[in-house]
Amino acid sequence: MVDSKGMVKAEDVKSFIKPLNGKDDFTLWRRRMKSVLILQDLYDAVLGIENKAVDMADKVWQKMDKKARSTIELHLADHVLGRVLDSGGDNMSSKETWDYLEKVLNAAWDANIPVASENALNCHDREGYNKILENAKPLNDPDGRHLSAFTYLRLSPVLLERHNFMEFERFVKKMHGEAATDLQINPNEENTADSSANLQ
C-alpha cells in the first residue's frame, strides 16, 4: 500500500475512495477522483484531446484515455456505471464520461434537488476558502446553482488562532453572499487571546 518513503502507491490509491453511488457527496468524490487521476498521470485525458501533447503519438493518447475512463468506471457503483454506459456505450472517452457525471450533478440543480458538500481536507487559508467559494457559490448567485448546505469539518485549535479565525469569518460571510473586506493579517502574529473576542 505504501512505498519505502511512506507514500501511498498510485496503483493502490483506488482503495481509499468509495464508489460514487448517487447518494454520497459528489463534490467530495470528484475531488478525490481527480487526485487519483493526477497521481496516475491520467488527468490530461479527462481535460480533452486539446491537452494532448504535440509530440504524443495517437496510440499513446488513446491508451491513456482508456486508462482514465477505466479508472473512473472502477470508482462508480454498478447502477451509476449502468447509467453512464446507457448514455454513451463503450465508445465514450474519459472526458465524455467525466462530463456526463458533471451533467448529472447539474441536472440535480435543474430539478431543484438539494446539493450539499463538505471540505475533504483541513482548510485555514485564503486560497483554500476561495476554492470552496468557487465551487459552492453563495445563495444569491445569479445562476442559482449553489449548495444547499456546506459542512465545515475538522474543527481544531489551529482554526481558533486569530488570523485563521478571521479568515474563517470572512469565508462564512462570503458563503452567505455578504460583502467581506479582504483581511491583511500577518500569519506570524502571535496572539493567544480568545479569537471570538476579536470579532466585530
Protein backbone atom coordinates (compact mmCIF):
# COMPACT_ATOMS: atom_id res chain seq x y z
CA MET A 1 0.00 0.00 0.00
CA VAL A 2 2.88 2.41 0.67
CA ASP A 3 6.37 2.75 -0.78
CA SER A 4 9.70 2.97 1.06
CA LYS A 5 9.07 6.68 1.70
CA GLY A 6 5.70 6.06 3.29
CA MET A 7 3.76 7.40 0.29
CA VAL A 8 0.60 5.74 -1.00
CA LYS A 9 1.26 3.93 -4.28
CA ALA A 10 -0.73 5.25 -7.23
CA GLU A 11 -1.93 1.76 -8.15
CA ASP A 12 -3.35 1.25 -4.64
CA VAL A 13 -4.98 4.64 -4.15
CA LYS A 14 -8.31 3.47 -5.56
CA SER A 15 -8.97 1.54 -2.35
CA PHE A 16 -9.25 4.85 -0.49
CA ILE A 17 -12.28 6.08 -2.45
CA LYS A 18 -15.82 4.79 -2.09
CA PRO A 19 -17.58 4.18 -5.42
CA LEU A 20 -19.88 7.01 -6.42
CA ASN A 21 -23.39 5.77 -5.62
CA GLY A 22 -25.53 8.84 -6.22
CA LYS A 23 -26.20 9.36 -2.51
CA ASP A 24 -22.83 10.49 -1.16
CA ASP A 25 -21.25 13.88 -1.77
CA PHE A 26 -20.40 14.16 -5.48
CA THR A 27 -18.17 17.21 -5.00
CA LEU A 28 -16.02 15.33 -2.49
CA TRP A 29 -15.86 12.22 -4.72
CA ARG A 30 -14.89 14.38 -7.71
CA ARG A 31 -12.05 15.99 -5.74
CA ARG A 32 -10.67 12.62 -4.69
CA MET A 33 -11.15 11.10 -8.14
CA LYS A 34 -9.25 14.00 -9.68
CA SER A 35 -6.41 13.31 -7.24
CA VAL A 36 -6.33 9.65 -8.30
CA LEU A 37 -6.15 10.59 -11.97
CA ILE A 38 -3.39 13.12 -11.32
CA LEU A 39 -1.36 10.58 -9.34
CA GLN A 40 -1.63 8.16 -12.24
CA ASP A 41 -0.78 10.85 -14.85
CA LEU A 42 -4.18 10.42 -16.48
CA TYR A 43 -5.94 13.71 -15.75
CA ASP A 44 -4.90 15.36 -19.04
CA ALA A 45 -7.07 12.84 -20.85
CA VAL A 46 -10.11 13.94 -18.83
CA LEU A 47 -9.45 17.54 -19.88
CA GLY A 48 -9.84 16.54 -23.53
CA ILE A 49 -7.91 15.98 -26.75
CA GLU A 50 -6.84 19.63 -26.87
CA ASN A 51 -4.48 18.82 -23.98
CA LYS A 52 -2.69 16.15 -25.98
CA ALA A 53 1.00 16.95 -26.27
CA VAL A 54 2.11 17.72 -29.81
CA ASP A 55 4.78 15.03 -29.71
CA MET A 56 2.49 12.36 -28.23
CA ALA A 57 1.56 9.55 -30.60
CA ASP A 58 -2.15 8.97 -31.16
CA LYS A 59 -1.90 5.39 -29.86
CA VAL A 60 -0.30 6.61 -26.64
CA TRP A 61 -3.07 9.18 -26.15
CA GLN A 62 -5.77 6.61 -26.86
CA LYS A 63 -4.25 4.23 -24.33
CA MET A 64 -4.09 6.98 -21.70
CA ASP A 65 -7.70 7.93 -22.41
CA LYS A 66 -8.86 4.32 -21.99
CA LYS A 67 -6.94 4.04 -18.72
CA ALA A 68 -8.52 7.25 -17.43
CA ARG A 69 -12.01 6.09 -18.39
CA SER A 70 -11.45 2.68 -16.82
CA THR A 71 -10.17 4.28 -13.62
CA ILE A 72 -13.28 6.43 -13.38
CA GLU A 73 -15.58 3.48 -14.09
CA LEU A 74 -13.92 1.40 -11.35
CA HIS A 75 -14.96 4.09 -8.88
CA LEU A 76 -18.65 4.03 -9.83
CA ALA A 77 -21.34 1.92 -8.21
CA ASP A 78 -22.98 -0.61 -10.53
CA HIS A 79 -26.17 1.37 -11.10
CA VAL A 80 -24.24 4.60 -11.76
CA LEU A 81 -21.94 2.84 -14.22
CA GLY A 82 -25.01 1.38 -15.90
CA ARG A 83 -26.41 4.87 -16.46
CA VAL A 84 -23.10 6.08 -17.86
CA LEU A 85 -22.93 3.17 -20.31
CA ASP A 86 -26.57 3.68 -21.29
CA SER A 87 -25.79 7.28 -22.14
CA GLY A 88 -22.86 6.61 -24.44
CA GLY A 89 -21.81 3.00 -24.52
CA ASP A 90 -18.27 1.72 -24.76
CA ASN A 91 -17.17 4.45 -27.15
CA MET A 92 -17.24 7.25 -24.59
CA SER A 93 -13.95 9.00 -23.93
CA SER A 94 -12.80 9.70 -20.40
CA LYS A 95 -13.78 13.36 -20.88
CA GLU A 96 -17.26 12.38 -22.04
CA THR A 97 -17.62 10.11 -19.01
CA TRP A 98 -16.46 12.87 -16.66
CA ASP A 99 -18.71 15.44 -18.34
CA TYR A 100 -21.70 13.11 -18.04
CA LEU A 101 -21.20 12.82 -14.29
CA GLU A 102 -20.97 16.62 -14.08
CA LYS A 103 -24.15 16.84 -16.15
CA VAL A 104 -25.97 14.62 -13.65
CA LEU A 105 -24.96 17.00 -10.86
CA ASN A 106 -26.23 19.96 -12.89
CA ALA A 107 -29.46 18.07 -13.54
CA ALA A 108 -29.95 17.83 -9.79
CA TRP A 109 -29.79 21.60 -9.58
CA ASP A 110 -32.16 21.95 -12.56
CA ALA A 111 -34.64 19.66 -10.78
CA ASN A 112 -34.27 21.66 -7.54
CA ILE A 113 -32.72 18.69 -5.77
CA PRO A 114 -30.62 19.98 -2.85
CA VAL A 115 -26.87 19.51 -3.32
CA ALA A 116 -24.64 19.55 -0.24
CA SER A 117 -20.89 19.34 0.27
CA GLU A 118 -18.07 19.38 2.82
CA ASN A 119 -14.33 20.06 2.91
CA ALA A 120 -12.22 16.96 2.35
CA LEU A 121 -9.07 18.40 3.92
CA ASN A 122 -8.15 20.84 6.66
CA CYS A 123 -8.67 24.38 5.45
CA HIS A 124 -7.48 27.56 7.17
CA ASP A 125 -6.08 29.70 4.35
CA ARG A 126 -7.47 32.20 1.83
CA GLU A 127 -6.62 30.07 -1.19
CA GLY A 128 -8.45 27.04 0.17
CA TYR A 129 -11.52 29.06 1.15
CA ASN A 130 -11.65 30.76 -2.25
CA LYS A 131 -11.63 27.35 -3.95
CA ILE A 132 -14.60 26.28 -1.83
CA LEU A 133 -16.39 29.54 -2.65
CA GLU A 134 -15.76 28.96 -6.35
CA ASN A 135 -17.37 25.53 -6.17
CA ALA A 136 -20.16 26.38 -3.75
CA LYS A 137 -21.37 29.86 -4.78
CA PRO A 138 -23.38 31.94 -2.31
CA LEU A 139 -27.16 31.72 -2.02
CA ASN A 140 -27.70 34.88 -4.08
CA ASP A 141 -25.57 33.72 -7.02
CA PRO A 142 -27.49 34.60 -10.21
CA ASP A 143 -27.34 31.13 -11.78
CA GLY A 144 -28.93 29.59 -8.69
CA ARG A 145 -26.55 26.61 -8.67
CA HIS A 146 -25.44 26.91 -5.10
CA LEU A 147 -25.00 24.29 -2.42
CA SER A 148 -27.96 23.90 -0.10
CA ALA A 149 -25.57 23.16 2.76
CA PHE A 150 -21.87 23.04 3.44
CA THR A 151 -20.36 21.22 6.42
CA TYR A 152 -17.06 22.54 7.70
CA LEU A 153 -15.10 19.59 9.03
CA ARG A 154 -12.03 19.21 11.23
CA LEU A 155 -12.57 21.95 13.77
CA SER A 156 -9.30 22.32 15.69
CA PRO A 157 -7.39 24.74 17.93
CA VAL A 158 -5.49 25.87 14.83
CA LEU A 159 -8.71 27.28 13.39
CA LEU A 160 -9.22 29.36 16.53
CA GLU A 161 -5.90 31.16 16.15
CA ARG A 162 -6.64 34.82 15.48
CA HIS A 163 -5.57 35.12 11.85
CA ASN A 164 -7.12 31.75 10.94
CA PHE A 165 -10.41 32.55 12.63
CA MET A 166 -10.65 35.94 10.91
CA GLU A 167 -10.14 34.22 7.56
CA PHE A 168 -12.83 31.73 8.53
CA GLU A 169 -15.21 34.58 9.43
CA ARG A 170 -14.57 36.16 6.02
CA PHE A 171 -15.25 32.79 4.35
CA VAL A 172 -18.58 32.31 6.18
CA LYS A 173 -19.73 35.82 5.20
CA LYS A 174 -18.89 35.22 1.57
CA MET A 175 -20.66 31.85 1.63
CA HIS A 176 -23.80 33.81 2.56
CA GLY A 177 -23.24 36.38 -0.18
CA GLU A 178 -22.22 39.16 2.20
CA ALA A 179 -19.55 41.72 1.44
CA ALA A 180 -16.35 40.94 3.30
CA THR A 181 -13.24 43.08 3.37
CA ASP A 182 -10.05 41.36 2.32
CA LEU A 183 -8.09 40.99 5.52
CA GLN A 184 -4.47 42.00 5.86
CA ILE A 185 -3.36 39.61 8.58
CA ASN A 186 0.20 38.73 9.43
CA PRO A 187 0.16 34.92 9.83
CA ASN A 188 3.21 35.13 12.09
CA GLU A 189 1.50 37.45 14.51
CA GLU A 190 1.41 35.86 17.93
CA ASN A 191 -1.87 36.33 19.67
CA THR A 192 -3.15 33.72 22.03
CA ALA A 193 -6.24 35.66 23.08
CA ASP A 194 -9.65 34.15 22.57
CA SER A 195 -10.41 34.72 18.88
CA SER A 196 -14.08 35.34 19.49
CA ALA A 197 -13.19 38.47 21.44
CA ASN A 198 -11.66 39.96 18.32
CA LEU A 199 -14.81 39.75 16.22
CA GLN A 200 -16.58 43.00 15.50
